Amino acid sequence: MRELAQQTVLSAFIASVGKRTPREAAHDATELCSLARALHRLNEVSCNCGLTPRQEKRMQNLEDKVRSILARAGMALNHFNGDPRGYAVYIDLPDGSYNSFGGREHGYGIG
């Protein structure tokens, strides 16, 4: 249920920026959540036993996909988090909303 709520919030903010239609915004939000989950799983593997070169390349490709989706949606990436105890991706929302203990500086976490 938490994931659906995150997708809804992201979709609304992506649509509010005005570069994407509501349908495209919903697709972008779904894809961002999926990519963030994959990055989170790789963060767990990295913490437990380290990443293989193939997994490192996959992580880089996932981060590049996140950047491209955010760029076409008109959103800004705050940072990627490598710690599996938190969200994998943090973005800056237009209204400055945040959902973590880091406050406004850390942005809105997706994961």
C-alpha atoms as a PDB file:
ATOM      1  CA  MET A   1       0.000   0.000   0.000  1.00  0.00           C
ATOM      2  CA  ARG A   2       2.866   2.385   0.763  1.00  0.00           C
ATOM      3  CA  GLU A   3       4.165   1.975  -2.778  1.00  0.00           C
ATOM      4  CA  LEU A   4       0.800   2.880  -4.280  1.00  0.00           C
ATOM      5  CA  ALA A   5       0.683   6.005  -2.120  1.00  0.00           C
ATOM      6  CA  GLN A   6       4.180   6.981  -3.274  1.00  0.00           C
ATOM      7  CA  GLN A   7       3.231   6.438  -6.908  1.00  0.00           C
ATOM      8  CA  THR A   8       0.161   8.625  -6.465  1.00  0.00           C
ATOM      9  CA  VAL A   9       2.130  11.463  -4.860  1.00  0.00           C
ATOM     10  CA  LEU A  10       4.865  11.278  -7.491  1.00  0.00           C
ATOM     11  CA  SER A  11       2.354  11.173 -10.310  1.00  0.00           C
ATOM     12  CA  ALA A  12       0.603  14.275  -8.986  1.00  0.00           C
ATOM     13  CA  PHE A  13       3.855  16.212  -8.649  1.00  0.00           C
ATOM     14  CA  ILE A  14       5.122  15.159 -12.076  1.00  0.00           C
ATOM     15  CA  ALA A  15       1.825  16.223 -13.652  1.00  0.00           C
ATOM     16  CA  SER A  16       1.889  19.528 -11.728  1.00  0.00           C
ATOM     17  CA  VAL A  17       5.243  20.465 -13.259  1.00  0.00           C
ATOM     18  CA  GLY A  18       3.373  20.555 -16.569  1.00  0.00           C
ATOM     19  CA  LYS A  19       5.797  18.755 -18.878  1.00  0.00           C
ATOM     20  CA  ARG A  20       3.892  15.448 -18.850  1.00  0.00           C
ATOM     21  CA  THR A  21       0.242  14.463 -19.266  1.00  0.00           C
ATOM     22  CA  PRO A  22      -1.412  12.747 -16.307  1.00  0.00           C
ATOM     23  CA  ARG A  23      -1.102   9.373 -18.046  1.00  0.00           C
ATOM     24  CA  GLU A  24       2.601   9.902 -18.770  1.00  0.00           C
ATOM     25  CA  ALA A  25       3.120  11.156 -15.202  1.00  0.00           C
ATOM     26  CA  ALA A  26       1.545   7.988 -13.795  1.00  0.00           C
ATOM     27  CA  HIS A  27       3.792   5.855 -16.003  1.00  0.00           C
ATOM     28  CA  ASP A  28       6.888   7.822 -14.937  1.00  0.00           C
ATOM     29  CA  ALA A  29       5.949   7.488 -11.252  1.00  0.00           C
ATOM     30  CA  THR A  30       5.465   3.728 -11.588  1.00  0.00           C
ATOM     31  CA  GLU A  31       8.791   3.374 -13.373  1.00  0.00           C
ATOM     32  CA  LEU A  32      10.611   5.518 -10.780  1.00  0.00           C
ATOM     33  CA  CYS A  33       9.264   3.387  -7.931  1.00  0.00           C
ATOM     34  CA  SER A  34      10.291   0.209  -9.727  1.00  0.00           C
ATOM     35  CA  LEU A  35      13.811   1.506 -10.378  1.00  0.00           C
ATOM     36  CA  ALA A  36      14.130   2.676  -6.767  1.00  0.00           C
ATOM     37  CA  ARG A  37      13.144  -0.801  -5.526  1.00  0.00           C
ATOM     38  CA  ALA A  38      15.793  -2.388  -7.753  1.00  0.00           C
ATOM     39  CA  LEU A  39      18.408   0.057  -6.463  1.00  0.00           C
ATOM     40  CA  HIS A  40      17.375  -0.702  -2.889  1.00  0.00           C
ATOM     41  CA  ARG A  41      17.867  -4.434  -3.473  1.00  0.00           C
ATOM     42  CA  LEU A  42      21.335  -3.779  -4.891  1.00  0.00           C
ATOM     43  CA  ASN A  43      22.102  -1.613  -1.844  1.00  0.00           C
ATOM     44  CA  GLU A  44      21.218  -4.576   0.386  1.00  0.00           C
ATOM     45  CA  VAL A  45      23.490  -6.895  -1.606  1.00  0.00           C
ATOM     46  CA  SER A  46      26.272  -4.324  -1.474  1.00  0.00           C
ATOM     47  CA  CYS A  47      25.954  -4.070   2.290  1.00  0.00           C
ATOM     48  CA  ASN A  48      25.844  -7.821   2.872  1.00  0.00           C
ATOM     49  CA  CYS A  49      28.551  -9.139   0.568  1.00  0.00           C
ATOM     50  CA  GLY A  50      29.600  -6.500  -1.947  1.00  0.00           C
ATOM     51  CA  LEU A  51      28.693  -6.087  -5.591  1.00  0.00           C
ATOM     52  CA  THR A  52      30.082  -7.980  -8.533  1.00  0.00           C
ATOM     53  CA  PRO A  53      31.247  -5.932 -11.537  1.00  0.00           C
ATOM     54  CA  ARG A  54      28.037  -6.887 -13.320  1.00  0.00           C
ATOM     55  CA  GLN A  55      25.917  -5.641 -10.411  1.00  0.00           C
ATOM     56  CA  GLU A  56      27.911  -2.394 -10.278  1.00  0.00           C
ATOM     57  CA  LYS A  57      27.179  -1.835 -13.970  1.00  0.00           C
ATOM     58  CA  ARG A  58      23.499  -2.583 -13.369  1.00  0.00           C
ATOM     59  CA  MET A  59      23.423  -0.064 -10.525  1.00  0.00           C
ATOM     60  CA  GLN A  60      24.958   2.578 -12.795  1.00  0.00           C
ATOM     61  CA  ASN A  61      22.414   1.812 -15.539  1.00  0.00           C
ATOM     62  CA  LEU A  62      19.523   2.075 -13.063  1.00  0.00           C
ATOM     63  CA  GLU A  63      20.828   5.426 -11.787  1.00  0.00           C
ATOM     64  CA  ASP A  64      21.099   6.681 -15.382  1.00  0.00           C
ATOM     65  CA  LYS A  65      17.495   5.632 -16.059  1.00  0.00           C
ATOM     66  CA  VAL A  66      16.311   7.469 -12.949  1.00  0.00           C
ATOM     67  CA  ARG A  67      18.159  10.602 -14.064  1.00  0.00           C
ATOM     68  CA  SER A  68      16.638  10.453 -17.554  1.00  0.00           C
ATOM     69  CA  ILE A  69      13.087   9.973 -16.254  1.00  0.00           C
ATOM     70  CA  LEU A  70      13.468  12.880 -13.849  1.00  0.00           C
ATOM     71  CA  ALA A  71      14.934  15.072 -16.601  1.00  0.00           C
ATOM     72  CA  ARG A  72      12.069  14.450 -19.010  1.00  0.00           C
ATOM     73  CA  ALA A  73       9.552  14.979 -16.188  1.00  0.00           C
ATOM     74  CA  GLY A  74      11.171  18.276 -15.184  1.00  0.00           C
ATOM     75  CA  MET A  75      12.076  17.082 -11.692  1.00  0.00           C
ATOM     76  CA  ALA A  76      15.403  17.387  -9.864  1.00  0.00           C
ATOM     77  CA  LEU A  77      17.416  14.559  -8.336  1.00  0.00           C
ATOM     78  CA  ASN A  78      18.624  15.311  -4.825  1.00  0.00           C
ATOM     79  CA  HIS A  79      20.867  12.253  -4.343  1.00  0.00           C
ATOM     80  CA  PHE A  80      21.169   8.484  -4.425  1.00  0.00           C
ATOM     81  CA  ASN A  81      21.468   6.742  -1.075  1.00  0.00           C
ATOM     82  CA  GLY A  82      23.643   3.636  -0.804  1.00  0.00           C
ATOM     83  CA  ASP A  83      22.473   2.774   2.710  1.00  0.00           C
ATOM     84  CA  PRO A  84      19.841  -0.007   2.623  1.00  0.00           C
ATOM     85  CA  ARG A  85      18.201   1.352   5.793  1.00  0.00           C
ATOM     86  CA  GLY A  86      16.762   4.337   3.922  1.00  0.00           C
ATOM     87  CA  TYR A  87      15.224   5.239   0.598  1.00  0.00           C
ATOM     88  CA  ALA A  88      17.361   4.540  -2.461  1.00  0.00           C
ATOM     89  CA  VAL A  89      16.498   7.721  -4.380  1.00  0.00           C
ATOM     90  CA  TYR A  90      15.786  11.219  -3.103  1.00  0.00           C
ATOM     91  CA  ILE A  91      14.255  13.893  -5.324  1.00  0.00           C
ATOM     92  CA  ASP A  92      13.379  17.536  -4.835  1.00  0.00           C
ATOM     93  CA  LEU A  93       9.658  18.193  -5.164  1.00  0.00           C
ATOM     94  CA  PRO A  94       8.406  21.565  -6.400  1.00  0.00           C
ATOM     95  CA  ASP A  95       6.766  22.465  -3.094  1.00  0.00           C
ATOM     96  CA  GLY A  96       9.716  21.326  -0.958  1.00  0.00           C
ATOM     97  CA  SER A  97       7.880  18.375   0.608  1.00  0.00           C
ATOM     98  CA  TYR A  98       9.924  15.676   2.295  1.00  0.00           C
ATOM     99  CA  ASN A  99       9.205  12.299   3.888  1.00  0.00           C
ATOM    100  CA  SER A 100      12.341  11.495   5.844  1.00  0.00           C
ATOM    101  CA  PHE A 101      14.156  12.613   8.971  1.00  0.00           C
ATOM    102  CA  GLY A 102      16.696  14.491   6.842  1.00  0.00           C
ATOM    103  CA  GLY A 103      14.243  17.318   6.301  1.00  0.00           C
ATOM    104  CA  ARG A 104      13.935  19.580   3.306  1.00  0.00           C
ATOM    105  CA  GLU A 105      17.623  19.247   2.438  1.00  0.00           C
ATOM    106  CA  HIS A 106      17.256  15.514   1.810  1.00  0.00           C
ATOM    107  CA  GLY A 107      14.109  15.797  -0.281  1.00  0.00           C
ATOM    108  CA  TYR A 108      11.428  13.204  -0.930  1.00  0.00           C
ATOM    109  CA  GLY A 109      12.527   9.579  -0.704  1.00  0.00           C
ATOM    110  CA  ILE A 110      11.456   6.912  -3.183  1.00  0.00           C
ATOM    111  CA  GLY A 111      11.989   3.298  -2.379  1.00  0.00           C
END
